[in-house]
Structure formats: structure tokens, C-alpha cells
Amino acid sequence: TAEAAEADAALARNNLGVALHGLGDAAGAMRCFRESHGALHVALGARHPRTTTARLNVGIALQKSLSIPLTPRATWQAREWRPPSARPAVPDAKTKSKGQGAR
């Protein structure tokens, strides 16, 4: 049938996306994954395992494309950062009487 042929073609596009992703072509892989997901969604439905796999591939490619590598300088700054010193849990006598005024 036409739907089965479209599903097979979509599966081939998904496989091509996997190959392109492995070769480092993120844009080409994303295009293949999105086209594959759309075609499988129409041909097989949203809950079919192949459609789910194509949707997950879109998510994985998107997640990896949004990763921002740190430069050596940014890594150095992050390594040298220290949190500000914590305030004392119990205020000393000077701090306690400050701002209370005469009553």
C-alpha cells in the first residue's frame, strides 16, 4: 500500500539521519529526523514504536545541537569560583542590638 511505502521511505530517512548525525552533520540529521517523524506520524500514528523512535531522535539531535562547549578561559573561571562566605548563624552582640532603638 501507499502508506506502507511511505513508512518505509520515512524509516530510510530516519536511518540517513542517524548516519549524518554520526558524521557530525547536525543540520542534515535534524532535517531527516523531522521529515521522518512527520511522515511516520501520518502513516503509522503517534504511538507506533517507529514514530516514537523518530521523535526521540529529533529530541536527541536537538539536545546535542544546543550544547555549548566551554572555552578554556570559561572553564578556568568556573574552576576558580568560590561561593561567598556564609553569614554567621547566630548574630553577635553588636549585630543584635543594631537597629532596635530604645523601647
N, C-alpha and C. Protein backbone atom coordinates (compact mmCIF):
# COMPACT_ATOMS: atom_id res chain seq x y z
N THR A 1 0.83 -1.20 0.00
CA THR A 1 0.00 0.00 0.00
C THR A 1 0.87 1.25 0.00
N ALA A 2 0.22 2.37 -0.25
CA ALA A 2 0.94 3.64 -0.29
C ALA A 2 1.45 4.03 1.10
N GLU A 3 0.66 3.74 2.13
CA GLU A 3 1.08 4.08 3.50
C GLU A 3 2.31 3.28 3.91
N ALA A 4 2.34 2.00 3.54
CA ALA A 4 3.49 1.16 3.87
C ALA A 4 4.74 1.64 3.15
N ALA A 5 4.58 2.06 1.89
CA ALA A 5 5.73 2.57 1.14
C ALA A 5 6.23 3.87 1.75
N GLU A 6 5.30 4.73 2.17
CA GLU A 6 5.69 6.00 2.81
C GLU A 6 6.39 5.74 4.15
N ALA A 7 5.90 4.75 4.89
CA ALA A 7 6.54 4.40 6.17
C ALA A 7 7.95 3.86 5.93
N ASP A 8 8.12 3.05 4.90
CA ASP A 8 9.45 2.52 4.58
C ASP A 8 10.41 3.64 4.18
N ALA A 9 9.91 4.58 3.37
CA ALA A 9 10.74 5.71 2.95
C ALA A 9 11.10 6.58 4.16
N ALA A 10 10.16 6.76 5.07
CA ALA A 10 10.43 7.55 6.28
C ALA A 10 11.45 6.86 7.17
N LEU A 11 11.38 5.54 7.24
CA LEU A 11 12.36 4.80 8.02
C LEU A 11 13.75 4.94 7.41
N ALA A 12 13.82 4.94 6.08
CA ALA A 12 15.11 5.14 5.41
C ALA A 12 15.64 6.55 5.68
N ARG A 13 14.75 7.57 5.71
CA ARG A 13 15.19 8.93 6.04
C ARG A 13 15.69 9.00 7.47
N ASN A 14 15.03 8.29 8.37
CA ASN A 14 15.49 8.27 9.76
C ASN A 14 16.89 7.64 9.86
N ASN A 15 17.10 6.55 9.13
CA ASN A 15 18.41 5.89 9.12
C ASN A 15 19.48 6.80 8.52
N LEU A 16 19.12 7.54 7.48
CA LEU A 16 20.05 8.51 6.91
C LEU A 16 20.39 9.58 7.94
N GLY A 17 19.40 10.00 8.71
CA GLY A 17 19.65 10.98 9.78
C GLY A 17 20.62 10.45 10.81
N VAL A 18 20.50 9.19 11.16
CA VAL A 18 21.43 8.58 12.11
C VAL A 18 22.85 8.60 11.55
N ALA A 19 22.98 8.28 10.27
CA ALA A 19 24.31 8.28 9.64
C ALA A 19 24.88 9.70 9.60
N LEU A 20 24.05 10.67 9.21
CA LEU A 20 24.53 12.06 9.15
C LEU A 20 24.91 12.56 10.54
N HIS A 21 24.13 12.18 11.54
CA HIS A 21 24.44 12.59 12.92
C HIS A 21 25.78 12.02 13.35
N GLY A 22 26.02 10.78 13.00
CA GLY A 22 27.30 10.14 13.32
C GLY A 22 28.48 10.80 12.62
N LEU A 23 28.23 11.36 11.43
CA LEU A 23 29.28 12.05 10.68
C LEU A 23 29.45 13.51 11.11
N GLY A 24 28.59 13.98 12.01
CA GLY A 24 28.72 15.35 12.51
C GLY A 24 27.89 16.38 11.76
N ASP A 25 27.03 15.96 10.85
CA ASP A 25 26.17 16.89 10.12
C ASP A 25 24.86 17.04 10.89
N ALA A 26 24.87 17.92 11.89
CA ALA A 26 23.72 18.08 12.76
C ALA A 26 22.51 18.62 12.01
N ALA A 27 22.71 19.58 11.11
CA ALA A 27 21.60 20.17 10.38
C ALA A 27 20.95 19.15 9.45
N GLY A 28 21.76 18.39 8.74
CA GLY A 28 21.22 17.36 7.85
C GLY A 28 20.49 16.28 8.63
N ALA A 29 21.05 15.89 9.76
CA ALA A 29 20.42 14.87 10.60
C ALA A 29 19.08 15.37 11.13
N MET A 30 19.04 16.62 11.59
CA MET A 30 17.80 17.16 12.12
C MET A 30 16.73 17.21 11.04
N ARG A 31 17.10 17.61 9.83
CA ARG A 31 16.14 17.66 8.72
C ARG A 31 15.57 16.26 8.46
N CYS A 32 16.44 15.26 8.40
CA CYS A 32 15.99 13.89 8.16
C CYS A 32 15.09 13.40 9.29
N PHE A 33 15.49 13.65 10.52
CA PHE A 33 14.69 13.20 11.67
C PHE A 33 13.31 13.84 11.68
N ARG A 34 13.24 15.13 11.40
CA ARG A 34 11.94 15.81 11.41
C ARG A 34 11.04 15.32 10.28
N GLU A 35 11.61 15.19 9.07
CA GLU A 35 10.81 14.68 7.95
C GLU A 35 10.33 13.26 8.23
N SER A 36 11.21 12.45 8.77
CA SER A 36 10.86 11.07 9.09
C SER A 36 9.76 11.02 10.13
N HIS A 37 9.90 11.82 11.17
CA HIS A 37 8.87 11.81 12.22
C HIS A 37 7.52 12.23 11.67
N GLY A 38 7.49 13.28 10.87
CA GLY A 38 6.22 13.74 10.30
C GLY A 38 5.56 12.69 9.43
N ALA A 39 6.35 12.05 8.59
CA ALA A 39 5.79 11.02 7.70
C ALA A 39 5.33 9.79 8.48
N LEU A 40 6.10 9.38 9.47
CA LEU A 40 5.71 8.21 10.27
C LEU A 40 4.48 8.51 11.12
N HIS A 41 4.38 9.72 11.60
CA HIS A 41 3.21 10.12 12.39
C HIS A 41 1.94 9.99 11.55
N VAL A 42 2.01 10.44 10.29
CA VAL A 42 0.86 10.34 9.40
C VAL A 42 0.58 8.89 9.00
N ALA A 43 1.63 8.16 8.65
CA ALA A 43 1.46 6.80 8.12
C ALA A 43 1.12 5.77 9.20
N LEU A 44 1.76 5.89 10.37
CA LEU A 44 1.62 4.84 11.38
C LEU A 44 0.92 5.29 12.66
N GLY A 45 0.82 6.58 12.88
CA GLY A 45 0.20 7.08 14.10
C GLY A 45 1.24 7.47 15.14
N ALA A 46 0.81 8.26 16.11
CA ALA A 46 1.72 8.82 17.11
C ALA A 46 2.30 7.78 18.06
N ARG A 47 1.57 6.70 18.31
CA ARG A 47 2.01 5.73 19.31
C ARG A 47 2.80 4.55 18.74
N HIS A 48 3.00 4.53 17.45
CA HIS A 48 3.76 3.43 16.86
C HIS A 48 5.22 3.52 17.29
N PRO A 49 5.88 2.39 17.56
CA PRO A 49 7.27 2.41 18.01
C PRO A 49 8.24 3.12 17.06
N ARG A 50 8.02 3.00 15.75
CA ARG A 50 8.90 3.69 14.81
C ARG A 50 8.71 5.20 14.89
N THR A 51 7.47 5.65 15.07
CA THR A 51 7.21 7.08 15.24
C THR A 51 7.86 7.58 16.51
N THR A 52 7.76 6.80 17.57
CA THR A 52 8.37 7.18 18.85
C THR A 52 9.89 7.28 18.71
N THR A 53 10.48 6.33 18.00
CA THR A 53 11.93 6.37 17.78
C THR A 53 12.33 7.62 17.01
N ALA A 54 11.59 7.95 15.97
CA ALA A 54 11.89 9.16 15.19
C ALA A 54 11.75 10.41 16.05
N ARG A 55 10.73 10.45 16.90
CA ARG A 55 10.55 11.61 17.79
C ARG A 55 11.71 11.71 18.78
N LEU A 56 12.15 10.59 19.32
CA LEU A 56 13.29 10.61 20.24
C LEU A 56 14.57 11.05 19.53
N ASN A 57 14.73 10.65 18.27
CA ASN A 57 15.90 11.08 17.52
C ASN A 57 15.91 12.59 17.31
N VAL A 58 14.74 13.17 17.07
CA VAL A 58 14.64 14.64 16.96
C VAL A 58 15.10 15.27 18.27
N GLY A 59 14.62 14.72 19.39
CA GLY A 59 14.99 15.26 20.70
C GLY A 59 16.47 15.14 20.99
N ILE A 60 17.06 14.01 20.66
CA ILE A 60 18.49 13.80 20.89
C ILE A 60 19.32 14.77 20.05
N ALA A 61 18.95 14.90 18.77
CA ALA A 61 19.69 15.82 17.90
C ALA A 61 19.56 17.25 18.37
N LEU A 62 18.37 17.63 18.82
CA LEU A 62 18.16 18.99 19.32
C LEU A 62 18.96 19.22 20.58
N GLN A 63 18.96 18.26 21.48
CA GLN A 63 19.72 18.40 22.73
C GLN A 63 21.21 18.56 22.45
N LYS A 64 21.73 17.74 21.56
CA LYS A 64 23.16 17.83 21.25
C LYS A 64 23.51 19.12 20.52
N SER A 65 22.59 19.62 19.70
CA SER A 65 22.88 20.85 18.97
C SER A 65 22.86 22.06 19.89
N LEU A 66 22.19 21.97 21.03
CA LEU A 66 22.11 23.10 21.96
C LEU A 66 23.24 23.09 22.99
N SER A 67 24.07 22.06 23.00
CA SER A 67 25.20 22.02 23.93
C SER A 67 26.18 23.13 23.58
N ILE A 68 26.59 23.87 24.59
CA ILE A 68 27.52 24.97 24.38
C ILE A 68 28.84 24.59 25.04
N PRO A 69 29.86 24.34 24.23
CA PRO A 69 31.15 23.98 24.82
C PRO A 69 31.78 25.18 25.52
N LEU A 70 32.43 24.92 26.62
CA LEU A 70 33.11 25.99 27.35
C LEU A 70 34.49 26.25 26.76
N THR A 71 34.85 27.49 26.71
CA THR A 71 36.20 27.84 26.28
C THR A 71 37.15 27.57 27.44
N PRO A 72 38.46 27.44 27.19
CA PRO A 72 39.39 27.21 28.30
C PRO A 72 39.31 28.31 29.36
N ARG A 73 39.10 29.57 28.94
CA ARG A 73 39.01 30.66 29.92
C ARG A 73 37.77 30.51 30.79
N ALA A 74 36.64 30.17 30.19
CA ALA A 74 35.41 29.99 30.97
C ALA A 74 35.56 28.82 31.93
N THR A 75 36.24 27.76 31.49
CA THR A 75 36.47 26.61 32.36
C THR A 75 37.35 27.01 33.54
N TRP A 76 38.39 27.80 33.27
CA TRP A 76 39.27 28.26 34.34
C TRP A 76 38.49 29.09 35.34
N GLN A 77 37.66 30.02 34.87
CA GLN A 77 36.89 30.86 35.78
C GLN A 77 35.93 30.02 36.62
N ALA A 78 35.32 29.03 36.02
CA ALA A 78 34.40 28.19 36.77
C ALA A 78 35.14 27.39 37.83
N ARG A 79 36.36 26.95 37.53
CA ARG A 79 37.14 26.16 38.48
C ARG A 79 37.60 27.02 39.65
N GLU A 80 37.90 28.30 39.40
CA GLU A 80 38.41 29.18 40.44
C GLU A 80 37.31 29.84 41.27
N TRP A 81 36.07 29.73 40.85
CA TRP A 81 34.99 30.39 41.57
C TRP A 81 34.78 29.75 42.92
N ARG A 82 34.57 30.58 43.91
CA ARG A 82 34.25 30.10 45.26
C ARG A 82 32.98 30.80 45.73
N PRO A 83 32.12 30.09 46.44
CA PRO A 83 30.90 30.74 46.92
C PRO A 83 31.22 31.81 47.95
N PRO A 84 30.37 32.84 48.06
CA PRO A 84 30.61 33.87 49.07
C PRO A 84 30.56 33.25 50.46
N SER A 85 31.28 33.87 51.38
CA SER A 85 31.30 33.31 52.74
C SER A 85 29.90 33.38 53.34
N ALA A 86 29.59 32.37 54.09
CA ALA A 86 28.26 32.29 54.70
C ALA A 86 28.17 33.25 55.89
N ARG A 87 26.99 33.79 56.09
CA ARG A 87 26.79 34.65 57.26
C ARG A 87 26.74 33.78 58.51
N PRO A 88 27.15 34.34 59.65
CA PRO A 88 27.08 33.54 60.88
C PRO A 88 25.63 33.18 61.22
N ALA A 89 25.43 31.99 61.74
CA ALA A 89 24.08 31.54 62.07
C ALA A 89 23.50 32.33 63.22
N VAL A 90 24.33 32.67 64.20
CA VAL A 90 23.86 33.43 65.36
C VAL A 90 24.55 34.79 65.32
N PRO A 91 23.79 35.89 65.24
CA PRO A 91 24.45 37.20 65.19
C PRO A 91 25.15 37.52 66.51
N ASP A 92 26.27 38.23 66.40
CA ASP A 92 26.98 38.61 67.63
C ASP A 92 26.25 39.77 68.31
N ALA A 93 26.73 40.20 69.45
CA ALA A 93 26.05 41.21 70.27
C ALA A 93 25.92 42.54 69.53
N LYS A 94 26.93 42.95 68.75
CA LYS A 94 26.86 44.21 68.02
C LYS A 94 25.73 44.18 66.99
N THR A 95 25.62 43.11 66.26
CA THR A 95 24.60 43.00 65.22
C THR A 95 23.22 42.91 65.83
N LYS A 96 23.11 42.24 67.00
CA LYS A 96 21.82 42.03 67.62
C LYS A 96 21.20 43.33 68.10
N SER A 97 22.00 44.21 68.67
CA SER A 97 21.46 45.44 69.22
C SER A 97 21.27 46.52 68.15
N LYS A 98 21.86 46.32 67.01
CA LYS A 98 21.81 47.30 65.94
C LYS A 98 20.37 47.45 65.41
N GLY A 99 19.89 48.69 65.36
CA GLY A 99 18.61 48.98 64.76
C GLY A 99 17.40 48.72 65.63
N GLN A 100 17.58 48.31 66.88
CA GLN A 100 16.42 48.05 67.71
C GLN A 100 15.93 49.32 68.42
N GLY A 101 16.81 50.26 68.67
CA GLY A 101 16.41 51.52 69.30
C GLY A 101 15.95 51.34 70.74
N ALA A 102 15.73 52.44 71.43
CA ALA A 102 15.29 52.38 72.84
C ALA A 102 13.79 52.14 72.88
N ARG A 103 13.37 51.30 73.81
CA ARG A 103 11.95 51.00 73.97
C ARG A 103 11.47 51.36 75.32
